[in-house]
């Protein structure tokens, strides 16, 4: 979320961060939670981009919204 708020938009900026998030989620979460599929969708989308390619502003805004929703769903799942 911080990277997106700092206006990171290129694959080489976002992909490593989202990959780390997914790896960490897989370690601590035994099941599927609401929003996980959305994060996977964004990881796939970033995988299809060239390293220097940037998301358009609409995609960046949608990704920020989706990441925040996934964070909230994961946090609620921990309760």
C-alpha atoms as a PDB file:
ATOM      1  CA  UNK A   1       0.000   0.000   0.000  1.00  0.00           C
ATOM      2  CA  UNK A   2       2.855   2.365   0.807  1.00  0.00           C
ATOM      3  CA  UNK A   3       4.525   1.836  -2.555  1.00  0.00           C
ATOM      4  CA  UNK A   4       1.297   2.635  -4.356  1.00  0.00           C
ATOM      5  CA  UNK A   5       0.736   5.745  -2.252  1.00  0.00           C
ATOM      6  CA  UNK A   6       4.270   6.805  -3.242  1.00  0.00           C
ATOM      7  CA  UNK A   7       3.098   6.421  -6.847  1.00  0.00           C
ATOM      8  CA  UNK A   8       5.176   3.385  -7.759  1.00  0.00           C
ATOM      9  CA  UNK A   9       3.719   2.149 -11.032  1.00  0.00           C
ATOM     10  CA  UNK A  10       6.422   0.128 -12.811  1.00  0.00           C
ATOM     11  CA  UNK A  11       6.642  -3.642 -12.728  1.00  0.00           C
ATOM     12  CA  UNK A  12      10.211  -3.616 -11.435  1.00  0.00           C
ATOM     13  CA  UNK A  13       9.048  -1.508  -8.480  1.00  0.00           C
ATOM     14  CA  UNK A  14       5.862  -3.372  -7.570  1.00  0.00           C
ATOM     15  CA  UNK A  15       6.428  -7.012  -8.527  1.00  0.00           C
ATOM     16  CA  UNK A  16       9.093  -7.794  -5.900  1.00  0.00           C
ATOM     17  CA  UNK A  17       6.968  -6.215  -3.169  1.00  0.00           C
ATOM     18  CA  UNK A  18       3.789  -8.052  -4.123  1.00  0.00           C
ATOM     19  CA  UNK A  19       5.709 -11.322  -4.510  1.00  0.00           C
ATOM     20  CA  UNK A  20       7.047 -10.915  -0.967  1.00  0.00           C
ATOM     21  CA  UNK A  21       3.562 -10.171   0.346  1.00  0.00           C
ATOM     22  CA  UNK A  22       2.160 -13.286  -1.311  1.00  0.00           C
ATOM     23  CA  UNK A  23       5.005 -15.454  -0.002  1.00  0.00           C
ATOM     24  CA  UNK A  24       4.437 -14.153   3.521  1.00  0.00           C
ATOM     25  CA  UNK A  25       0.686 -14.653   3.284  1.00  0.00           C
ATOM     26  CA  UNK A  26       1.213 -18.227   2.148  1.00  0.00           C
ATOM     27  CA  UNK A  27       3.391 -18.874   5.194  1.00  0.00           C
ATOM     28  CA  UNK A  28       0.949 -17.532   7.774  1.00  0.00           C
ATOM     29  CA  UNK A  29      -2.403 -18.280   6.176  1.00  0.00           C
ATOM     30  CA  UNK A  30      -3.558 -21.856   5.887  1.00  0.00           C
ATOM     31  CA  UNK A  31      -6.667 -21.039   3.909  1.00  0.00           C
ATOM     32  CA  UNK A  32      -8.119 -18.743   1.383  1.00  0.00           C
ATOM     33  CA  UNK A  33      -9.341 -15.360   2.591  1.00  0.00           C
ATOM     34  CA  UNK A  34     -11.375 -12.745   0.819  1.00  0.00           C
ATOM     35  CA  UNK A  35      -9.046 -10.663  -1.312  1.00  0.00           C
ATOM     36  CA  UNK A  36      -6.357 -13.283  -1.867  1.00  0.00           C
ATOM     37  CA  UNK A  37      -7.612 -13.954  -5.378  1.00  0.00           C
ATOM     38  CA  UNK A  38      -7.429 -10.262  -6.160  1.00  0.00           C
ATOM     39  CA  UNK A  39      -3.799 -10.133  -5.058  1.00  0.00           C
ATOM     40  CA  UNK A  40      -3.041 -13.141  -7.257  1.00  0.00           C
ATOM     41  CA  UNK A  41      -4.752 -11.331 -10.141  1.00  0.00           C
ATOM     42  CA  UNK A  42      -2.453  -8.319  -9.684  1.00  0.00           C
ATOM     43  CA  UNK A  43       0.618 -10.538  -9.462  1.00  0.00           C
ATOM     44  CA  UNK A  44      -0.368 -12.201 -12.740  1.00  0.00           C
ATOM     45  CA  UNK A  45      -0.996  -8.818 -14.335  1.00  0.00           C
ATOM     46  CA  UNK A  46       2.411  -7.551 -13.206  1.00  0.00           C
ATOM     47  CA  UNK A  47       4.034 -10.762 -14.513  1.00  0.00           C
ATOM     48  CA  UNK A  48       2.674 -10.010 -17.977  1.00  0.00           C
ATOM     49  CA  UNK A  49       4.261  -6.550 -18.052  1.00  0.00           C
ATOM     50  CA  UNK A  50       7.767  -5.616 -19.150  1.00  0.00           C
ATOM     51  CA  UNK A  51      10.112  -4.534 -16.343  1.00  0.00           C
ATOM     52  CA  UNK A  52      10.023  -0.877 -17.326  1.00  0.00           C
ATOM     53  CA  UNK A  53       6.336  -0.824 -18.193  1.00  0.00           C
ATOM     54  CA  UNK A  54       4.103   1.234 -15.914  1.00  0.00           C
ATOM     55  CA  UNK A  55       0.461   0.791 -14.998  1.00  0.00           C
ATOM     56  CA  UNK A  56      -1.909   3.500 -16.093  1.00  0.00           C
ATOM     57  CA  UNK A  57      -3.361   5.709 -13.338  1.00  0.00           C
ATOM     58  CA  UNK A  58      -6.684   3.843 -13.311  1.00  0.00           C
ATOM     59  CA  UNK A  59      -4.985   0.480 -12.770  1.00  0.00           C
ATOM     60  CA  UNK A  60      -2.739   1.910 -10.061  1.00  0.00           C
ATOM     61  CA  UNK A  61      -5.736   3.335  -8.240  1.00  0.00           C
ATOM     62  CA  UNK A  62      -7.653   0.064  -8.557  1.00  0.00           C
ATOM     63  CA  UNK A  63      -4.654  -1.910  -7.316  1.00  0.00           C
ATOM     64  CA  UNK A  64      -4.338   0.377  -4.283  1.00  0.00           C
ATOM     65  CA  UNK A  65      -8.032  -0.137  -3.542  1.00  0.00           C
ATOM     66  CA  UNK A  66      -7.760  -3.919  -3.970  1.00  0.00           C
ATOM     67  CA  UNK A  67      -4.619  -4.217  -1.829  1.00  0.00           C
ATOM     68  CA  UNK A  68      -6.221  -2.229   0.973  1.00  0.00           C
ATOM     69  CA  UNK A  69      -9.361  -4.395   0.831  1.00  0.00           C
ATOM     70  CA  UNK A  70      -7.256  -7.558   0.883  1.00  0.00           C
ATOM     71  CA  UNK A  71      -5.294  -6.224   3.858  1.00  0.00           C
ATOM     72  CA  UNK A  72      -8.508  -5.505   5.749  1.00  0.00           C
ATOM     73  CA  UNK A  73      -9.937  -8.928   4.906  1.00  0.00           C
ATOM     74  CA  UNK A  74      -6.749 -10.654   6.062  1.00  0.00           C
ATOM     75  CA  UNK A  75      -6.691  -8.630   9.276  1.00  0.00           C
ATOM     76  CA  UNK A  76     -10.340  -9.497   9.953  1.00  0.00           C
ATOM     77  CA  UNK A  77      -9.556 -13.147   9.274  1.00  0.00           C
ATOM     78  CA  UNK A  78      -6.990 -13.051  12.093  1.00  0.00           C
ATOM     79  CA  UNK A  79      -9.591 -11.993  14.674  1.00  0.00           C
END
